[in-house]
Amino acid sequence: MDKLQKALAKLSDREALFVEEVLFRFKARNYLGLNLIKLKGAKDLFRIKAGRLRIIFSMSSNGVKLIDVGYRSEKTYRNY
């Protein structure tokens, strides 16, 4: 199991549904109402913030790639 699958498995049912909804909205290119911010110093990395939950992904011409899902901490954005 990779890091992303482990992170998704740790989420509550409500948070997992939220992540699923966000991914569905990305496929439909509906960004309205999402707390979407480009990460500083990164060319194509973005994050969505919902309470303590952070969804980090890259967006390019090839599509959207989910990178990490987790809770806010001092180490949340350290590796990006």
C-alpha atoms as a PDB file:
ATOM      1  CA  MET A   1       0.000   0.000   0.000  1.00  0.00           C
ATOM      2  CA  ASP A   2       1.457   3.364  -0.960  1.00  0.00           C
ATOM      3  CA  LYS A   3       1.419   6.575   1.079  1.00  0.00           C
ATOM      4  CA  LEU A   4      -1.711   7.972  -0.585  1.00  0.00           C
ATOM      5  CA  GLN A   5      -3.751   4.819  -0.010  1.00  0.00           C
ATOM      6  CA  LYS A   6      -2.739   4.790   3.670  1.00  0.00           C
ATOM      7  CA  ALA A   7      -3.741   8.428   4.061  1.00  0.00           C
ATOM      8  CA  LEU A   8      -7.137   7.799   2.465  1.00  0.00           C
ATOM      9  CA  ALA A   9      -7.721   4.751   4.683  1.00  0.00           C
ATOM     10  CA  LYS A  10      -7.192   6.860   7.837  1.00  0.00           C
ATOM     11  CA  LEU A  11      -9.936   9.346   6.935  1.00  0.00           C
ATOM     12  CA  SER A  12     -13.377   9.266   8.498  1.00  0.00           C
ATOM     13  CA  ASP A  13     -16.356   8.444   6.296  1.00  0.00           C
ATOM     14  CA  ARG A  14     -17.332  12.108   6.097  1.00  0.00           C
ATOM     15  CA  GLU A  15     -13.834  13.191   5.063  1.00  0.00           C
ATOM     16  CA  ALA A  16     -13.566  10.387   2.505  1.00  0.00           C
ATOM     17  CA  LEU A  17     -16.849  11.531   0.952  1.00  0.00           C
ATOM     18  CA  PHE A  18     -15.501  15.091   0.819  1.00  0.00           C
ATOM     19  CA  VAL A  19     -12.347  13.948  -1.000  1.00  0.00           C
ATOM     20  CA  GLU A  20     -14.486  11.954  -3.419  1.00  0.00           C
ATOM     21  CA  GLU A  21     -16.686  15.007  -4.048  1.00  0.00           C
ATOM     22  CA  VAL A  22     -13.632  17.187  -4.687  1.00  0.00           C
ATOM     23  CA  LEU A  23     -12.251  14.699  -7.222  1.00  0.00           C
ATOM     24  CA  PHE A  24     -15.634  14.515  -8.939  1.00  0.00           C
ATOM     25  CA  ARG A  25     -15.778  18.329  -9.138  1.00  0.00           C
ATOM     26  CA  PHE A  26     -12.284  18.395 -10.645  1.00  0.00           C
ATOM     27  CA  LYS A  27     -13.354  16.032 -13.406  1.00  0.00           C
ATOM     28  CA  ALA A  28     -16.230  18.419 -14.121  1.00  0.00           C
ATOM     29  CA  ARG A  29     -13.844  21.432 -13.848  1.00  0.00           C
ATOM     30  CA  ASN A  30     -16.099  23.011 -11.213  1.00  0.00           C
ATOM     31  CA  TYR A  31     -13.744  24.856  -8.830  1.00  0.00           C
ATOM     32  CA  LEU A  32     -16.355  27.260  -7.442  1.00  0.00           C
ATOM     33  CA  GLY A  33     -16.569  27.155  -3.638  1.00  0.00           C
ATOM     34  CA  LEU A  34     -13.358  25.204  -3.096  1.00  0.00           C
ATOM     35  CA  ASN A  35     -10.625  26.783  -1.000  1.00  0.00           C
ATOM     36  CA  LEU A  36      -8.088  26.273  -3.782  1.00  0.00           C
ATOM     37  CA  ILE A  37      -4.638  27.876  -3.455  1.00  0.00           C
ATOM     38  CA  LYS A  38      -1.448  27.450  -5.497  1.00  0.00           C
ATOM     39  CA  LEU A  39       1.495  26.441  -3.305  1.00  0.00           C
ATOM     40  CA  LYS A  40       4.320  28.978  -3.197  1.00  0.00           C
ATOM     41  CA  GLY A  41       7.522  27.985  -4.947  1.00  0.00           C
ATOM     42  CA  ALA A  42       5.897  25.181  -6.909  1.00  0.00           C
ATOM     43  CA  LYS A  43       5.025  25.319 -10.570  1.00  0.00           C
ATOM     44  CA  ASP A  44       1.928  23.140 -10.651  1.00  0.00           C
ATOM     45  CA  LEU A  45       1.084  22.210  -7.029  1.00  0.00           C
ATOM     46  CA  PHE A  46      -2.174  23.252  -5.401  1.00  0.00           C
ATOM     47  CA  ARG A  47      -4.009  22.557  -2.171  1.00  0.00           C
ATOM     48  CA  ILE A  48      -7.599  22.484  -1.031  1.00  0.00           C
ATOM     49  CA  LYS A  49      -8.299  23.277   2.593  1.00  0.00           C
ATOM     50  CA  ALA A  50     -11.379  22.060   4.459  1.00  0.00           C
ATOM     51  CA  GLY A  51     -11.119  22.477   8.211  1.00  0.00           C
ATOM     52  CA  ARG A  52      -8.119  20.409   9.325  1.00  0.00           C
ATOM     53  CA  LEU A  53      -8.037  18.384   6.104  1.00  0.00           C
ATOM     54  CA  ARG A  54      -5.592  19.245   3.305  1.00  0.00           C
ATOM     55  CA  ILE A  55      -5.697  17.811  -0.212  1.00  0.00           C
ATOM     56  CA  ILE A  56      -2.510  18.399  -2.217  1.00  0.00           C
ATOM     57  CA  PHE A  57      -2.474  17.770  -5.950  1.00  0.00           C
ATOM     58  CA  SER A  58      -0.767  18.772  -9.167  1.00  0.00           C
ATOM     59  CA  MET A  59      -2.653  20.181 -12.114  1.00  0.00           C
ATOM     60  CA  SER A  60      -1.160  20.195 -15.606  1.00  0.00           C
ATOM     61  CA  SER A  61      -2.249  19.855 -19.201  1.00  0.00           C
ATOM     62  CA  ASN A  62      -2.225  16.068 -18.714  1.00  0.00           C
ATOM     63  CA  GLY A  63      -4.849  16.319 -15.965  1.00  0.00           C
ATOM     64  CA  VAL A  64      -5.013  16.298 -12.190  1.00  0.00           C
ATOM     65  CA  LYS A  65      -2.896  14.011 -10.015  1.00  0.00           C
ATOM     66  CA  LEU A  66      -3.709  13.529  -6.333  1.00  0.00           C
ATOM     67  CA  ILE A  67      -0.474  13.677  -4.333  1.00  0.00           C
ATOM     68  CA  ASP A  68      -1.403  13.680  -0.654  1.00  0.00           C
ATOM     69  CA  VAL A  69      -4.380  13.836   1.686  1.00  0.00           C
ATOM     70  CA  GLY A  70      -3.889  14.533   5.359  1.00  0.00           C
ATOM     71  CA  TYR A  71      -4.455  16.692   8.366  1.00  0.00           C
ATOM     72  CA  ARG A  72      -2.893  20.085   8.901  1.00  0.00           C
ATOM     73  CA  SER A  73       0.339  20.057  10.867  1.00  0.00           C
ATOM     74  CA  GLU A  74       3.696  21.793  10.872  1.00  0.00           C
ATOM     75  CA  LYS A  75       4.948  19.189   8.378  1.00  0.00           C
ATOM     76  CA  THR A  76       2.022  19.372   5.930  1.00  0.00           C
ATOM     77  CA  TYR A  77       3.768  21.271   3.145  1.00  0.00           C
ATOM     78  CA  ARG A  78       7.393  20.482   3.982  1.00  0.00           C
ATOM     79  CA  ASN A  79       8.071  18.024   1.156  1.00  0.00           C
ATOM     80  CA  TYR A  80       6.545  20.072  -1.648  1.00  0.00           C
END
